[in-house]
C-alpha atoms as a PDB file:
ATOM      1  CA  UNK A   1     -11.843  -9.983   4.743  1.00  0.00           C
ATOM      2  CA  UNK A   2     -15.163 -11.812   4.434  1.00  0.00           C
ATOM      3  CA  UNK A   3     -17.533 -11.169   1.561  1.00  0.00           C
ATOM      4  CA  UNK A   4     -20.056  -9.868   4.054  1.00  0.00           C
ATOM      5  CA  UNK A   5     -18.060  -6.705   4.595  1.00  0.00           C
ATOM      6  CA  UNK A   6     -17.806  -6.050   0.871  1.00  0.00           C
ATOM      7  CA  UNK A   7     -21.498  -6.654   0.277  1.00  0.00           C
ATOM      8  CA  UNK A   8     -22.461  -4.375   3.153  1.00  0.00           C
ATOM      9  CA  UNK A   9     -20.191  -1.607   1.932  1.00  0.00           C
ATOM     10  CA  UNK A  10     -21.552  -1.876  -1.590  1.00  0.00           C
ATOM     11  CA  UNK A  11     -25.165  -1.943  -0.443  1.00  0.00           C
ATOM     12  CA  UNK A  12     -24.676   1.154   1.690  1.00  0.00           C
ATOM     13  CA  UNK A  13     -23.040   2.929  -1.218  1.00  0.00           C
ATOM     14  CA  UNK A  14     -25.942   2.050  -3.502  1.00  0.00           C
ATOM     15  CA  UNK A  15     -28.505   3.504  -1.096  1.00  0.00           C
ATOM     16  CA  UNK A  16     -26.690   6.846  -0.951  1.00  0.00           C
ATOM     17  CA  UNK A  17     -27.119   9.481  -3.654  1.00  0.00           C
ATOM     18  CA  UNK A  18     -24.283   9.416  -6.144  1.00  0.00           C
ATOM     19  CA  UNK A  19     -22.450  12.586  -5.136  1.00  0.00           C
ATOM     20  CA  UNK A  20     -19.011  11.712  -6.400  1.00  0.00           C
ATOM     21  CA  UNK A  21     -18.194  12.566  -9.954  1.00  0.00           C
ATOM     22  CA  UNK A  22     -16.094  10.281 -12.128  1.00  0.00           C
ATOM     23  CA  UNK A  23     -13.155  12.666 -11.801  1.00  0.00           C
ATOM     24  CA  UNK A  24     -13.374  12.691  -8.010  1.00  0.00           C
ATOM     25  CA  UNK A  25     -13.387   8.894  -7.971  1.00  0.00           C
ATOM     26  CA  UNK A  26     -10.495   8.752 -10.438  1.00  0.00           C
ATOM     27  CA  UNK A  27      -8.380  11.165  -8.396  1.00  0.00           C
ATOM     28  CA  UNK A  28      -9.143   9.094  -5.301  1.00  0.00           C
ATOM     29  CA  UNK A  29      -8.077   5.936  -7.112  1.00  0.00           C
ATOM     30  CA  UNK A  30      -4.669   7.338  -8.081  1.00  0.00           C
ATOM     31  CA  UNK A  31      -4.237   9.112  -4.699  1.00  0.00           C
ATOM     32  CA  UNK A  32      -3.703  12.517  -6.247  1.00  0.00           C
ATOM     33  CA  UNK A  33      -2.344  13.972  -2.990  1.00  0.00           C
ATOM     34  CA  UNK A  34       0.477  11.421  -2.972  1.00  0.00           C
ATOM     35  CA  UNK A  35       1.119  12.020  -6.684  1.00  0.00           C
ATOM     36  CA  UNK A  36       1.418  15.775  -6.145  1.00  0.00           C
ATOM     37  CA  UNK A  37       3.695  15.554  -3.103  1.00  0.00           C
ATOM     38  CA  UNK A  38       5.981  13.053  -4.838  1.00  0.00           C
ATOM     39  CA  UNK A  39       6.155  15.249  -7.922  1.00  0.00           C
ATOM     40  CA  UNK A  40       7.537  18.052  -5.732  1.00  0.00           C
ATOM     41  CA  UNK A  41      10.430  15.819  -4.692  1.00  0.00           C
ATOM     42  CA  UNK A  42      10.892  14.481  -8.251  1.00  0.00           C
ATOM     43  CA  UNK A  43      11.113  18.012  -9.616  1.00  0.00           C
ATOM     44  CA  UNK A  44      13.541  18.989  -6.852  1.00  0.00           C
ATOM     45  CA  UNK A  45      15.880  16.133  -7.789  1.00  0.00           C
ATOM     46  CA  UNK A  46      15.596  17.079 -11.460  1.00  0.00           C
ATOM     47  CA  UNK A  47      16.170  20.775 -10.760  1.00  0.00           C
ATOM     48  CA  UNK A  48      19.163  20.267  -8.459  1.00  0.00           C
ATOM     49  CA  UNK A  49      20.808  17.947 -10.983  1.00  0.00           C
ATOM     50  CA  UNK A  50      20.401  20.642 -13.657  1.00  0.00           C
ATOM     51  CA  UNK A  51      21.893  23.248 -11.322  1.00  0.00           C
ATOM     52  CA  UNK A  52      24.818  21.134 -10.129  1.00  0.00           C
ATOM     53  CA  UNK A  53      25.739  20.072 -13.676  1.00  0.00           C
ATOM     54  CA  UNK A  54      25.424  23.656 -14.978  1.00  0.00           C
ATOM     55  CA  UNK A  55      22.778  22.765 -17.542  1.00  0.00           C
ATOM     56  CA  UNK A  56      19.817  24.938 -18.502  1.00  0.00           C
ATOM     57  CA  UNK A  57      16.478  23.138 -18.186  1.00  0.00           C
ATOM     58  CA  UNK A  58      14.964  25.513 -20.758  1.00  0.00           C
ATOM     59  CA  UNK A  59      17.158  23.818 -23.353  1.00  0.00           C
ATOM     60  CA  UNK A  60      15.933  20.388 -22.305  1.00  0.00           C
ATOM     61  CA  UNK A  61      12.199  20.771 -21.807  1.00  0.00           C
ATOM     62  CA  UNK A  62      11.649  17.356 -23.419  1.00  0.00           C
ATOM     63  CA  UNK A  63      13.628  15.806 -20.553  1.00  0.00           C
ATOM     64  CA  UNK A  64      11.510  17.732 -18.077  1.00  0.00           C
ATOM     65  CA  UNK A  65       8.321  16.445 -19.740  1.00  0.00           C
ATOM     66  CA  UNK A  66       9.421  12.797 -19.915  1.00  0.00           C
ATOM     67  CA  UNK A  67      10.548  12.774 -16.296  1.00  0.00           C
ATOM     68  CA  UNK A  68       7.638  14.554 -14.629  1.00  0.00           C
ATOM     69  CA  UNK A  69       4.877  12.881 -16.638  1.00  0.00           C
ATOM     70  CA  UNK A  70       6.605   9.510 -16.407  1.00  0.00           C
ATOM     71  CA  UNK A  71       6.989   9.819 -12.647  1.00  0.00           C
ATOM     72  CA  UNK A  72       3.397  11.028 -12.241  1.00  0.00           C
ATOM     73  CA  UNK A  73       2.097   8.024 -14.177  1.00  0.00           C
ATOM     74  CA  UNK A  74       4.069   5.361 -12.315  1.00  0.00           C
ATOM     75  CA  UNK A  75       3.126   6.903  -8.947  1.00  0.00           C
ATOM     76  CA  UNK A  76      -0.545   7.047  -9.970  1.00  0.00           C
ATOM     77  CA  UNK A  77      -0.385   3.519 -11.392  1.00  0.00           C
ATOM     78  CA  UNK A  78       1.236   2.174  -8.228  1.00  0.00           C
ATOM     79  CA  UNK A  79      -1.381   3.908  -6.077  1.00  0.00           C
ATOM     80  CA  UNK A  80      -4.183   2.385  -8.159  1.00  0.00           C
ATOM     81  CA  UNK A  81      -2.566  -1.035  -7.760  1.00  0.00           C
ATOM     82  CA  UNK A  82      -2.408  -0.477  -4.002  1.00  0.00           C
ATOM     83  CA  UNK A  83      -6.150   0.257  -4.034  1.00  0.00           C
ATOM     84  CA  UNK A  84      -6.720  -2.961  -5.990  1.00  0.00           C
ATOM     85  CA  UNK A  85      -4.645  -5.005  -3.521  1.00  0.00           C
ATOM     86  CA  UNK A  86      -6.336  -3.438  -0.470  1.00  0.00           C
ATOM     87  CA  UNK A  87      -9.917  -3.692  -1.696  1.00  0.00           C
ATOM     88  CA  UNK A  88     -10.610  -6.473   0.831  1.00  0.00           C
ATOM     89  CA  UNK A  89      -9.475  -4.499   3.901  1.00  0.00           C
ATOM     90  CA  UNK A  90     -10.514  -0.949   2.914  1.00  0.00           C
ATOM     91  CA  UNK A  91     -14.247  -1.550   3.641  1.00  0.00           C
ATOM     92  CA  UNK A  92     -13.541  -1.867   7.380  1.00  0.00           C
ATOM     93  CA  UNK A  93     -11.484   1.329   7.477  1.00  0.00           C
ATOM     94  CA  UNK A  94     -13.671   4.421   7.898  1.00  0.00           C
ATOM     95  CA  UNK A  95     -11.178   6.731   6.189  1.00  0.00           C
ATOM     96  CA  UNK A  96     -11.056   4.520   3.089  1.00  0.00           C
ATOM     97  CA  UNK A  97     -14.704   3.567   2.605  1.00  0.00           C
ATOM     98  CA  UNK A  98     -15.105   6.247  -0.049  1.00  0.00           C
ATOM     99  CA  UNK A  99     -12.550   4.711  -2.371  1.00  0.00           C
ATOM    100  CA  UNK A 100     -14.076   3.716  -5.724  1.00  0.00           C
ATOM    101  CA  UNK A 101     -12.701   0.186  -5.256  1.00  0.00           C
ATOM    102  CA  UNK A 102     -14.854  -0.067  -2.110  1.00  0.00           C
ATOM    103  CA  UNK A 103     -17.993   1.650  -3.365  1.00  0.00           C
ATOM    104  CA  UNK A 104     -17.933  -0.430  -6.533  1.00  0.00           C
ATOM    105  CA  UNK A 105     -17.851   2.573  -8.873  1.00  0.00           C
ATOM    106  CA  UNK A 106     -14.651   1.165 -10.394  1.00  0.00           C
ATOM    107  CA  UNK A 107     -14.524  -2.573 -11.072  1.00  0.00           C
ATOM    108  CA  UNK A 108     -11.376  -4.504 -10.142  1.00  0.00           C
ATOM    109  CA  UNK A 109     -10.637  -5.206 -13.817  1.00  0.00           C
ATOM    110  CA  UNK A 110     -10.932  -1.496 -14.681  1.00  0.00           C
ATOM    111  CA  UNK A 111      -8.537  -0.639 -11.853  1.00  0.00           C
ATOM    112  CA  UNK A 112      -6.023  -3.242 -13.049  1.00  0.00           C
ATOM    113  CA  UNK A 113      -6.187  -1.986 -16.636  1.00  0.00           C
ATOM    114  CA  UNK A 114      -5.754   1.614 -15.472  1.00  0.00           C
ATOM    115  CA  UNK A 115      -2.857   0.691 -13.206  1.00  0.00           C
ATOM    116  CA  UNK A 116      -0.919  -1.338 -15.778  1.00  0.00           C
ATOM    117  CA  UNK A 117      -1.538   1.251 -18.505  1.00  0.00           C
ATOM    118  CA  UNK A 118      -0.166   4.030 -16.337  1.00  0.00           C
ATOM    119  CA  UNK A 119       2.811   1.961 -15.209  1.00  0.00           C
ATOM    120  CA  UNK A 120       3.761   0.936 -18.753  1.00  0.00           C
ATOM    121  CA  UNK A 121       3.401   4.392 -20.313  1.00  0.00           C
ATOM    122  CA  UNK A 122       5.126   5.984 -17.323  1.00  0.00           C
ATOM    123  CA  UNK A 123       8.096   3.640 -17.596  1.00  0.00           C
ATOM    124  CA  UNK A 124       8.385   4.263 -21.357  1.00  0.00           C
ATOM    125  CA  UNK A 125       8.569   8.008 -20.668  1.00  0.00           C
ATOM    126  CA  UNK A 126      11.168   7.541 -17.902  1.00  0.00           C
ATOM    127  CA  UNK A 127      13.343   5.360 -20.136  1.00  0.00           C
ATOM    128  CA  UNK A 128      13.080   8.076 -22.796  1.00  0.00           C
ATOM    129  CA  UNK A 129      14.510  10.473 -20.205  1.00  0.00           C
ATOM    130  CA  UNK A 130      17.371   8.104 -19.330  1.00  0.00           C
ATOM    131  CA  UNK A 131      17.921   4.419 -18.752  1.00  0.00           C
ATOM    132  CA  UNK A 132      18.845   5.206 -15.155  1.00  0.00           C
ATOM    133  CA  UNK A 133      15.563   7.059 -14.557  1.00  0.00           C
ATOM    134  CA  UNK A 134      13.643   4.104 -15.980  1.00  0.00           C
ATOM    135  CA  UNK A 135      15.475   1.619 -13.767  1.00  0.00           C
ATOM    136  CA  UNK A 136      14.891   3.739 -10.661  1.00  0.00           C
ATOM    137  CA  UNK A 137      11.247   3.992 -11.671  1.00  0.00           C
ATOM    138  CA  UNK A 138      11.021   0.203 -11.739  1.00  0.00           C
ATOM    139  CA  UNK A 139      12.683   0.088  -8.334  1.00  0.00           C
ATOM    140  CA  UNK A 140      10.034   2.473  -7.004  1.00  0.00           C
ATOM    141  CA  UNK A 141       7.185   0.395  -8.419  1.00  0.00           C
ATOM    142  CA  UNK A 142       8.567  -2.888  -7.056  1.00  0.00           C
ATOM    143  CA  UNK A 143       9.312  -1.446  -3.612  1.00  0.00           C
ATOM    144  CA  UNK A 144       5.819   0.054  -3.251  1.00  0.00           C
ATOM    145  CA  UNK A 145       3.637  -2.577  -4.912  1.00  0.00           C
ATOM    146  CA  UNK A 146       5.538  -5.754  -4.040  1.00  0.00           C
ATOM    147  CA  UNK A 147       7.683  -5.061  -0.961  1.00  0.00           C
ATOM    148  CA  UNK A 148       5.156  -2.806   0.785  1.00  0.00           C
ATOM    149  CA  UNK A 149       1.604  -3.433  -0.470  1.00  0.00           C
ATOM    150  CA  UNK A 150       1.822  -7.170  -1.178  1.00  0.00           C
ATOM    151  CA  UNK A 151       4.361  -8.293   1.430  1.00  0.00           C
ATOM    152  CA  UNK A 152       5.205  -6.194   4.492  1.00  0.00           C
ATOM    153  CA  UNK A 153       2.022  -4.156   5.049  1.00  0.00           C
ATOM    154  CA  UNK A 154      -0.016  -7.084   6.378  1.00  0.00           C
ATOM    155  CA  UNK A 155       2.787  -9.126   7.934  1.00  0.00           C
ATOM    156  CA  UNK A 156       5.398  -6.949   9.627  1.00  0.00           C
ATOM    157  CA  UNK A 157       5.406  -4.051  12.074  1.00  0.00           C
ATOM    158  CA  UNK A 158       8.316  -2.641  10.065  1.00  0.00           C
ATOM    159  CA  UNK A 159       5.959  -2.096   7.105  1.00  0.00           C
ATOM    160  CA  UNK A 160       6.236   1.698   7.369  1.00  0.00           C
ATOM    161  CA  UNK A 161      10.034   1.584   7.121  1.00  0.00           C
ATOM    162  CA  UNK A 162       9.805  -0.750   4.109  1.00  0.00           C
ATOM    163  CA  UNK A 163       7.285   1.615   2.516  1.00  0.00           C
ATOM    164  CA  UNK A 164       9.687   4.498   3.052  1.00  0.00           C
ATOM    165  CA  UNK A 165      12.012   3.055   0.405  1.00  0.00           C
ATOM    166  CA  UNK A 166       9.544   3.742  -2.396  1.00  0.00           C
ATOM    167  CA  UNK A 167       8.762   7.213  -1.056  1.00  0.00           C
ATOM    168  CA  UNK A 168      12.441   8.136  -1.137  1.00  0.00           C
ATOM    169  CA  UNK A 169      12.950   7.150  -4.773  1.00  0.00           C
ATOM    170  CA  UNK A 170      11.102   9.978  -6.679  1.00  0.00           C
ATOM    171  CA  UNK A 171      13.857  12.609  -6.169  1.00  0.00           C
ATOM    172  CA  UNK A 172      16.401  10.018  -7.324  1.00  0.00           C
ATOM    173  CA  UNK A 173      14.344   9.446 -10.484  1.00  0.00           C
ATOM    174  CA  UNK A 174      14.433  13.186 -11.160  1.00  0.00           C
ATOM    175  CA  UNK A 175      18.175  13.374 -10.596  1.00  0.00           C
ATOM    176  CA  UNK A 176      18.871  10.244 -12.671  1.00  0.00           C
ATOM    177  CA  UNK A 177      17.080  11.760 -15.661  1.00  0.00           C
ATOM    178  CA  UNK A 178      19.701  14.519 -15.818  1.00  0.00           C
ATOM    179  CA  UNK A 179      22.741  12.771 -14.341  1.00  0.00           C
ATOM    180  CA  UNK A 180      22.314   9.000 -14.869  1.00  0.00           C
ATOM    181  CA  UNK A 181      25.405   8.167 -12.815  1.00  0.00           C
ATOM    182  CA  UNK A 182      23.988  10.094  -9.858  1.00  0.00           C
ATOM    183  CA  UNK A 183      26.092  12.149  -7.474  1.00  0.00           C
ATOM    184  CA  UNK A 184      26.186  12.572  -3.721  1.00  0.00           C
ATOM    185  CA  UNK A 185      23.276  15.032  -3.827  1.00  0.00           C
ATOM    186  CA  UNK A 186      20.899  12.327  -5.070  1.00  0.00           C
ATOM    187  CA  UNK A 187      21.878  10.077  -2.153  1.00  0.00           C
ATOM    188  CA  UNK A 188      21.288  12.968   0.259  1.00  0.00           C
ATOM    189  CA  UNK A 189      17.772  13.518  -1.101  1.00  0.00           C
ATOM    190  CA  UNK A 190      17.026   9.800  -0.801  1.00  0.00           C
ATOM    191  CA  UNK A 191      18.181   9.703   2.827  1.00  0.00           C
ATOM    192  CA  UNK A 192      16.214  12.822   3.782  1.00  0.00           C
ATOM    193  CA  UNK A 193      13.007  11.455   2.277  1.00  0.00           C
ATOM    194  CA  UNK A 194      13.620   8.016   3.790  1.00  0.00           C
ATOM    195  CA  UNK A 195      14.085   9.395   7.320  1.00  0.00           C
ATOM    196  CA  UNK A 196      11.179  11.849   6.983  1.00  0.00           C
ATOM    197  CA  UNK A 197       8.549   9.237   6.199  1.00  0.00           C
ATOM    198  CA  UNK A 198       8.347   7.083   9.378  1.00  0.00           C
ATOM    199  CA  UNK A 199       7.454   9.968  11.744  1.00  0.00           C
ATOM    200  CA  UNK A 200       5.095  11.317   9.075  1.00  0.00           C
ATOM    201  CA  UNK A 201       3.233   8.022   8.638  1.00  0.00           C
ATOM    202  CA  UNK A 202       3.377   7.020  12.305  1.00  0.00           C
ATOM    203  CA  UNK A 203       1.477  10.225  13.103  1.00  0.00           C
ATOM    204  CA  UNK A 204      -1.189   9.236  10.585  1.00  0.00           C
ATOM    205  CA  UNK A 205      -1.211   5.659  11.891  1.00  0.00           C
ATOM    206  CA  UNK A 206      -1.843   6.929  15.427  1.00  0.00           C
ATOM    207  CA  UNK A 207      -4.884   8.837  14.175  1.00  0.00           C
ATOM    208  CA  UNK A 208      -6.167   5.678  12.473  1.00  0.00           C
ATOM    209  CA  UNK A 209      -5.051   3.083  15.006  1.00  0.00           C
ATOM    210  CA  UNK A 210      -8.500   1.564  15.515  1.00  0.00           C
ATOM    211  CA  UNK A 211      -9.063   1.373  11.760  1.00  0.00           C
ATOM    212  CA  UNK A 212      -5.797  -0.504  11.270  1.00  0.00           C
ATOM    213  CA  UNK A 213      -6.644  -2.745  14.222  1.00  0.00           C
ATOM    214  CA  UNK A 214     -10.015  -3.597  12.645  1.00  0.00           C
ATOM    215  CA  UNK A 215      -8.287  -4.372   9.344  1.00  0.00           C
ATOM    216  CA  UNK A 216      -5.659  -6.488  11.155  1.00  0.00           C
ATOM    217  CA  UNK A 217      -2.783  -4.391   9.805  1.00  0.00           C
ATOM    218  CA  UNK A 218       0.279  -4.542  12.132  1.00  0.00           C
ATOM    219  CA  UNK A 219       1.072  -0.835  12.211  1.00  0.00           C
ATOM    220  CA  UNK A 220       3.432   0.218  15.004  1.00  0.00           C
ATOM    221  CA  UNK A 221       0.752   1.963  17.162  1.00  0.00           C
ATOM    222  CA  UNK A 222      -1.445  -1.136  16.924  1.00  0.00           C
ATOM    223  CA  UNK A 223       1.265  -3.647  17.841  1.00  0.00           C
ATOM    224  CA  UNK A 224       3.508  -1.670  20.206  1.00  0.00           C
ATOM    225  CA  UNK A 225       1.248   1.114  21.459  1.00  0.00           C
ATOM    226  CA  UNK A 226       1.453   4.917  21.407  1.00  0.00           C
ATOM    227  CA  UNK A 227       4.429   5.351  23.758  1.00  0.00           C
ATOM    228  CA  UNK A 228       6.670   3.063  21.684  1.00  0.00           C
ATOM    229  CA  UNK A 229       5.495   4.860  18.527  1.00  0.00           C
ATOM    230  CA  UNK A 230       6.429   8.235  20.020  1.00  0.00           C
ATOM    231  CA  UNK A 231       9.919   6.953  20.811  1.00  0.00           C
ATOM    232  CA  UNK A 232      10.350   5.761  17.221  1.00  0.00           C
ATOM    233  CA  UNK A 233       9.160   9.095  15.849  1.00  0.00           C
ATOM    234  CA  UNK A 234      11.651  10.920  18.065  1.00  0.00           C
ATOM    235  CA  UNK A 235      14.537   8.713  16.912  1.00  0.00           C
ATOM    236  CA  UNK A 236      13.721   9.159  13.228  1.00  0.00           C
ATOM    237  CA  UNK A 237      13.530  12.935  13.655  1.00  0.00           C
ATOM    238  CA  UNK A 238      16.950  12.909  15.364  1.00  0.00           C
ATOM    239  CA  UNK A 239      18.267  10.966  12.373  1.00  0.00           C
ATOM    240  CA  UNK A 240      17.207  13.876  10.140  1.00  0.00           C
ATOM    241  CA  UNK A 241      19.498  16.376  11.905  1.00  0.00           C
ATOM    242  CA  UNK A 242      22.813  15.572  10.155  1.00  0.00           C
ATOM    243  CA  UNK A 243      21.286  14.978   6.709  1.00  0.00           C
ATOM    244  CA  UNK A 244      20.955  18.625   5.509  1.00  0.00           C
ATOM    245  CA  UNK A 245      24.731  18.943   5.996  1.00  0.00           C
ATOM    246  CA  UNK A 246      25.091  16.527   3.073  1.00  0.00           C
ATOM    247  CA  UNK A 247      23.742  19.381   0.913  1.00  0.00           C
ATOM    248  CA  UNK A 248      26.231  22.038   2.034  1.00  0.00           C
ATOM    249  CA  UNK A 249      26.569  23.043  -1.633  1.00  0.00           C
ATOM    250  CA  UNK A 250      23.197  24.780  -1.231  1.00  0.00           C
ATOM    251  CA  UNK A 251      24.765  27.152   1.284  1.00  0.00           C
ATOM    252  CA  UNK A 252      24.844  27.656   5.033  1.00  0.00           C
ATOM    253  CA  UNK A 253      21.482  29.472   5.073  1.00  0.00           C
ATOM    254  CA  UNK A 254      19.773  26.344   3.734  1.00  0.00           C
ATOM    255  CA  UNK A 255      21.435  24.199   6.394  1.00  0.00           C
ATOM    256  CA  UNK A 256      20.339  26.657   9.099  1.00  0.00           C
ATOM    257  CA  UNK A 257      16.746  26.651   7.795  1.00  0.00           C
ATOM    258  CA  UNK A 258      16.674  22.842   7.680  1.00  0.00           C
ATOM    259  CA  UNK A 259      18.095  22.658  11.205  1.00  0.00           C
ATOM    260  CA  UNK A 260      15.459  25.094  12.494  1.00  0.00           C
ATOM    261  CA  UNK A 261      12.757  22.896  10.904  1.00  0.00           C
ATOM    262  CA  UNK A 262      14.316  19.845  12.558  1.00  0.00           C
ATOM    263  CA  UNK A 263      14.452  21.546  15.961  1.00  0.00           C
ATOM    264  CA  UNK A 264      10.806  22.571  15.663  1.00  0.00           C
ATOM    265  CA  UNK A 265       9.785  19.004  14.808  1.00  0.00           C
ATOM    266  CA  UNK A 266      11.927  17.605  17.628  1.00  0.00           C
ATOM    267  CA  UNK A 267      10.367  19.923  20.218  1.00  0.00           C
ATOM    268  CA  UNK A 268       6.879  19.003  19.030  1.00  0.00           C
ATOM    269  CA  UNK A 269       7.861  15.337  19.216  1.00  0.00           C
ATOM    270  CA  UNK A 270       9.092  15.710  22.811  1.00  0.00           C
ATOM    271  CA  UNK A 271       5.800  17.372  23.760  1.00  0.00           C
ATOM    272  CA  UNK A 272       4.071  14.172  22.735  1.00  0.00           C
ATOM    273  CA  UNK A 273       5.302  12.378  25.876  1.00  0.00           C
ATOM    274  CA  UNK A 274       3.306  14.854  27.991  1.00  0.00           C
ATOM    275  CA  UNK A 275       0.328  15.185  25.641  1.00  0.00           C
ATOM    276  CA  UNK A 276      -3.099  14.844  27.240  1.00  0.00           C
ATOM    277  CA  UNK A 277      -4.716  14.129  23.876  1.00  0.00           C
ATOM    278  CA  UNK A 278      -2.567  11.776  21.787  1.00  0.00           C
ATOM    279  CA  UNK A 279      -4.737  12.047  18.687  1.00  0.00           C
ATOM    280  CA  UNK A 280      -4.680  15.848  18.731  1.00  0.00           C
ATOM    281  CA  UNK A 281      -0.892  15.748  19.123  1.00  0.00           C
ATOM    282  CA  UNK A 282      -0.553  13.205  16.304  1.00  0.00           C
ATOM    283  CA  UNK A 283      -2.603  15.506  14.063  1.00  0.00           C
ATOM    284  CA  UNK A 284      -0.230  18.386  14.799  1.00  0.00           C
ATOM    285  CA  UNK A 285       2.756  16.133  14.050  1.00  0.00           C
ATOM    286  CA  UNK A 286       1.206  15.062  10.758  1.00  0.00           C
ATOM    287  CA  UNK A 287       0.520  18.646   9.670  1.00  0.00           C
ATOM    288  CA  UNK A 288       4.031  19.717  10.697  1.00  0.00           C
ATOM    289  CA  UNK A 289       5.524  16.871   8.652  1.00  0.00           C
ATOM    290  CA  UNK A 290       3.680  17.996   5.518  1.00  0.00           C
ATOM    291  CA  UNK A 291       4.792  21.605   5.961  1.00  0.00           C
ATOM    292  CA  UNK A 292       8.320  20.418   6.748  1.00  0.00           C
ATOM    293  CA  UNK A 293       8.643  18.481   3.510  1.00  0.00           C
ATOM    294  CA  UNK A 294       7.150  21.243   1.373  1.00  0.00           C
ATOM    295  CA  UNK A 295       9.260  24.041   2.885  1.00  0.00           C
ATOM    296  CA  UNK A 296      12.457  21.987   2.802  1.00  0.00           C
ATOM    297  CA  UNK A 297      12.199  20.924  -0.836  1.00  0.00           C
ATOM    298  CA  UNK A 298      10.983  24.290  -2.131  1.00  0.00           C
ATOM    299  CA  UNK A 299      13.872  25.953  -0.281  1.00  0.00           C
ATOM    300  CA  UNK A 300      16.295  23.574  -1.989  1.00  0.00           C
ATOM    301  CA  UNK A 301      15.060  24.812  -5.344  1.00  0.00           C
ATOM    302  CA  UNK A 302      15.268  28.478  -4.295  1.00  0.00           C
ATOM    303  CA  UNK A 303      18.735  28.277  -2.722  1.00  0.00           C
ATOM    304  CA  UNK A 304      20.124  26.300  -5.680  1.00  0.00           C
ATOM    305  CA  UNK A 305      19.470  29.302  -7.929  1.00  0.00           C
ATOM    306  CA  UNK A 306      22.029  31.326  -5.984  1.00  0.00           C
ATOM    307  CA  UNK A 307      24.841  28.782  -5.836  1.00  0.00           C
END
């Protein structure tokens, strides 16, 4: 992106009253929403591993601390690095103009220092939990920062699928902290998170299609259009249907609940082909996806108590 865009964005920011506090800017930099949602899945992996190995987490609170704080730091550090990498395209995207890397409130060098500090300390904590957790943490960092942010995001329409790898790793990190060798449950969590992400992010991409077009980012709705995106969302949701059966150890009620959630998402997806307002429909799909993930993973924790 040309320097003109950056200068304009900075000038506009300077003429506005400084309403954002340092904390607000900091939380924006580390994408606190993404950190929180990924911590839910990390904790779920950790919790299920404790339950399935018949260990009491109250006796291993140090492991809980190392894993959750380590995961939080590497997710926050990776998000900050993503902001650093995208600081040339964010100014042309309306939804991202408030980022501190765009407004100039955080300098690029400060963002880099913050990112690397978080990544290093986070990895140290994960390796203190277990070598396996540390290695999976590195895999998450590489897949998000290198494979997604630096490589596929600007070059390939499959960027969302590539980005789904990193989003599926947090529950594996949690599981690996307790059971380094991993068991089938960890793979199930990875697959569920991997299949959940494309329809979730495609819905968001539809809402921001013109922004991505302006930034020259080859998101599926930009390159292939809304109809093709809807077909992809439908297929990914169908792929979710058999995955809860991989967690039969949580009981038949969990599988039924997960299937009901899948049916609800599928029906909403089908409605998209007759939607009069694609953006309104995409918003409903996005909200459903967030509720889906939260309900599904919280239910895993609840049902595991009774196994």
